[in-house]
């Protein structure tokens, strides 16, 4: 197996990686491998689909304005405001 060394990573990114690893119950190194695996597979991570399903459930039954209506309204407003 090959090894990678990543240098000059900003502190915010390191903190984010540590938090993500902790949330998934993995080491930072294991989380880094998972991120690389997800990037290589080209697919969205499983938690994306879980969150998308959660958002659909939370907004079910709400009346929503179609985007084309909102766009038309913004174009018709001479000030460019709603």
C-alpha atoms as a PDB file:
ATOM      1  CA  UNK A   1       0.000   0.000   0.000  1.00  0.00           C
ATOM      2  CA  UNK A   2       1.148   3.505  -0.789  1.00  0.00           C
ATOM      3  CA  UNK A   3       1.339   6.312   1.738  1.00  0.00           C
ATOM      4  CA  UNK A   4       0.453   9.971   1.330  1.00  0.00           C
ATOM      5  CA  UNK A   5       1.730  12.918   3.307  1.00  0.00           C
ATOM      6  CA  UNK A   6      -0.287  16.118   3.163  1.00  0.00           C
ATOM      7  CA  UNK A   7       1.502  19.260   4.281  1.00  0.00           C
ATOM      8  CA  UNK A   8       0.445  22.849   4.896  1.00  0.00           C
ATOM      9  CA  UNK A   9      -3.190  22.087   5.689  1.00  0.00           C
ATOM     10  CA  UNK A  10      -4.897  25.061   7.325  1.00  0.00           C
ATOM     11  CA  UNK A  11      -6.127  24.709  10.903  1.00  0.00           C
ATOM     12  CA  UNK A  12      -9.808  25.108   9.971  1.00  0.00           C
ATOM     13  CA  UNK A  13      -9.571  22.148   7.596  1.00  0.00           C
ATOM     14  CA  UNK A  14      -7.813  20.040  10.216  1.00  0.00           C
ATOM     15  CA  UNK A  15     -10.490  20.909  12.793  1.00  0.00           C
ATOM     16  CA  UNK A  16     -13.217  20.047  10.272  1.00  0.00           C
ATOM     17  CA  UNK A  17     -11.546  16.716   9.481  1.00  0.00           C
ATOM     18  CA  UNK A  18     -11.215  15.851  13.177  1.00  0.00           C
ATOM     19  CA  UNK A  19     -14.866  16.711  13.820  1.00  0.00           C
ATOM     20  CA  UNK A  20     -16.021  14.668  10.825  1.00  0.00           C
ATOM     21  CA  UNK A  21     -13.894  11.716  11.918  1.00  0.00           C
ATOM     22  CA  UNK A  22     -15.310  11.893  15.446  1.00  0.00           C
ATOM     23  CA  UNK A  23     -18.873  12.093  14.107  1.00  0.00           C
ATOM     24  CA  UNK A  24     -18.269   8.911  12.093  1.00  0.00           C
ATOM     25  CA  UNK A  25     -16.411   7.115  14.885  1.00  0.00           C
ATOM     26  CA  UNK A  26     -13.191   6.887  12.875  1.00  0.00           C
ATOM     27  CA  UNK A  27      -9.637   8.055  13.259  1.00  0.00           C
ATOM     28  CA  UNK A  28      -8.594  11.131  11.309  1.00  0.00           C
ATOM     29  CA  UNK A  29      -6.488   8.901   9.067  1.00  0.00           C
ATOM     30  CA  UNK A  30      -9.420   6.552   8.403  1.00  0.00           C
ATOM     31  CA  UNK A  31     -11.659   9.551   7.680  1.00  0.00           C
ATOM     32  CA  UNK A  32      -9.099  10.901   5.242  1.00  0.00           C
ATOM     33  CA  UNK A  33      -9.064   7.543   3.439  1.00  0.00           C
ATOM     34  CA  UNK A  34     -12.868   7.563   3.302  1.00  0.00           C
ATOM     35  CA  UNK A  35     -12.937  11.069   1.815  1.00  0.00           C
ATOM     36  CA  UNK A  36     -10.446   9.998  -0.851  1.00  0.00           C
ATOM     37  CA  UNK A  37     -12.471   6.843  -1.575  1.00  0.00           C
ATOM     38  CA  UNK A  38     -15.682   8.892  -1.927  1.00  0.00           C
ATOM     39  CA  UNK A  39     -13.956  11.372  -4.231  1.00  0.00           C
ATOM     40  CA  UNK A  40     -12.629   8.572  -6.403  1.00  0.00           C
ATOM     41  CA  UNK A  41     -16.004   6.833  -6.648  1.00  0.00           C
ATOM     42  CA  UNK A  42     -17.574  10.064  -7.862  1.00  0.00           C
ATOM     43  CA  UNK A  43     -20.718   9.408  -5.865  1.00  0.00           C
ATOM     44  CA  UNK A  44     -22.234  11.450  -3.118  1.00  0.00           C
ATOM     45  CA  UNK A  45     -21.571  10.201   0.396  1.00  0.00           C
ATOM     46  CA  UNK A  46     -24.363   8.179   1.985  1.00  0.00           C
ATOM     47  CA  UNK A  47     -25.087  10.907   4.526  1.00  0.00           C
ATOM     48  CA  UNK A  48     -26.008  13.245   1.651  1.00  0.00           C
ATOM     49  CA  UNK A  49     -28.860  10.951   0.631  1.00  0.00           C
ATOM     50  CA  UNK A  50     -29.961  10.565   4.252  1.00  0.00           C
ATOM     51  CA  UNK A  51     -30.017  14.341   4.679  1.00  0.00           C
ATOM     52  CA  UNK A  52     -31.859  14.801   1.370  1.00  0.00           C
ATOM     53  CA  UNK A  53     -34.527  12.328   2.501  1.00  0.00           C
ATOM     54  CA  UNK A  54     -34.783  14.127   5.834  1.00  0.00           C
ATOM     55  CA  UNK A  55     -35.275  17.492   4.108  1.00  0.00           C
ATOM     56  CA  UNK A  56     -37.943  16.019   1.813  1.00  0.00           C
ATOM     57  CA  UNK A  57     -39.772  14.659   4.867  1.00  0.00           C
ATOM     58  CA  UNK A  58     -39.487  17.988   6.712  1.00  0.00           C
ATOM     59  CA  UNK A  59     -40.888  19.958   3.793  1.00  0.00           C
ATOM     60  CA  UNK A  60     -43.565  17.471   2.727  1.00  0.00           C
ATOM     61  CA  UNK A  61     -46.942  19.122   2.368  1.00  0.00           C
ATOM     62  CA  UNK A  62     -45.576  22.662   2.338  1.00  0.00           C
ATOM     63  CA  UNK A  63     -46.728  24.951  -0.405  1.00  0.00           C
ATOM     64  CA  UNK A  64     -43.697  25.960  -2.423  1.00  0.00           C
ATOM     65  CA  UNK A  65     -43.380  28.505  -5.190  1.00  0.00           C
ATOM     66  CA  UNK A  66     -41.905  27.030  -8.362  1.00  0.00           C
ATOM     67  CA  UNK A  67     -38.543  28.520  -9.293  1.00  0.00           C
ATOM     68  CA  UNK A  68     -39.782  29.729 -12.686  1.00  0.00           C
ATOM     69  CA  UNK A  69     -42.406  31.867 -10.932  1.00  0.00           C
ATOM     70  CA  UNK A  70     -39.789  33.401  -8.650  1.00  0.00           C
ATOM     71  CA  UNK A  71     -37.521  34.099 -11.608  1.00  0.00           C
ATOM     72  CA  UNK A  72     -40.337  35.702 -13.581  1.00  0.00           C
ATOM     73  CA  UNK A  73     -41.277  37.881 -10.605  1.00  0.00           C
ATOM     74  CA  UNK A  74     -37.694  39.042 -10.139  1.00  0.00           C
ATOM     75  CA  UNK A  75     -37.379  39.879 -13.836  1.00  0.00           C
ATOM     76  CA  UNK A  76     -40.637  41.824 -13.816  1.00  0.00           C
ATOM     77  CA  UNK A  77     -39.608  43.925 -10.796  1.00  0.00           C
ATOM     78  CA  UNK A  78     -38.013  47.118 -12.156  1.00  0.00           C
ATOM     79  CA  UNK A  79     -35.867  47.478  -9.018  1.00  0.00           C
ATOM     80  CA  UNK A  80     -34.689  43.860  -9.216  1.00  0.00           C
ATOM     81  CA  UNK A  81     -36.133  43.234  -5.779  1.00  0.00           C
ATOM     82  CA  UNK A  82     -38.999  41.215  -4.441  1.00  0.00           C
END
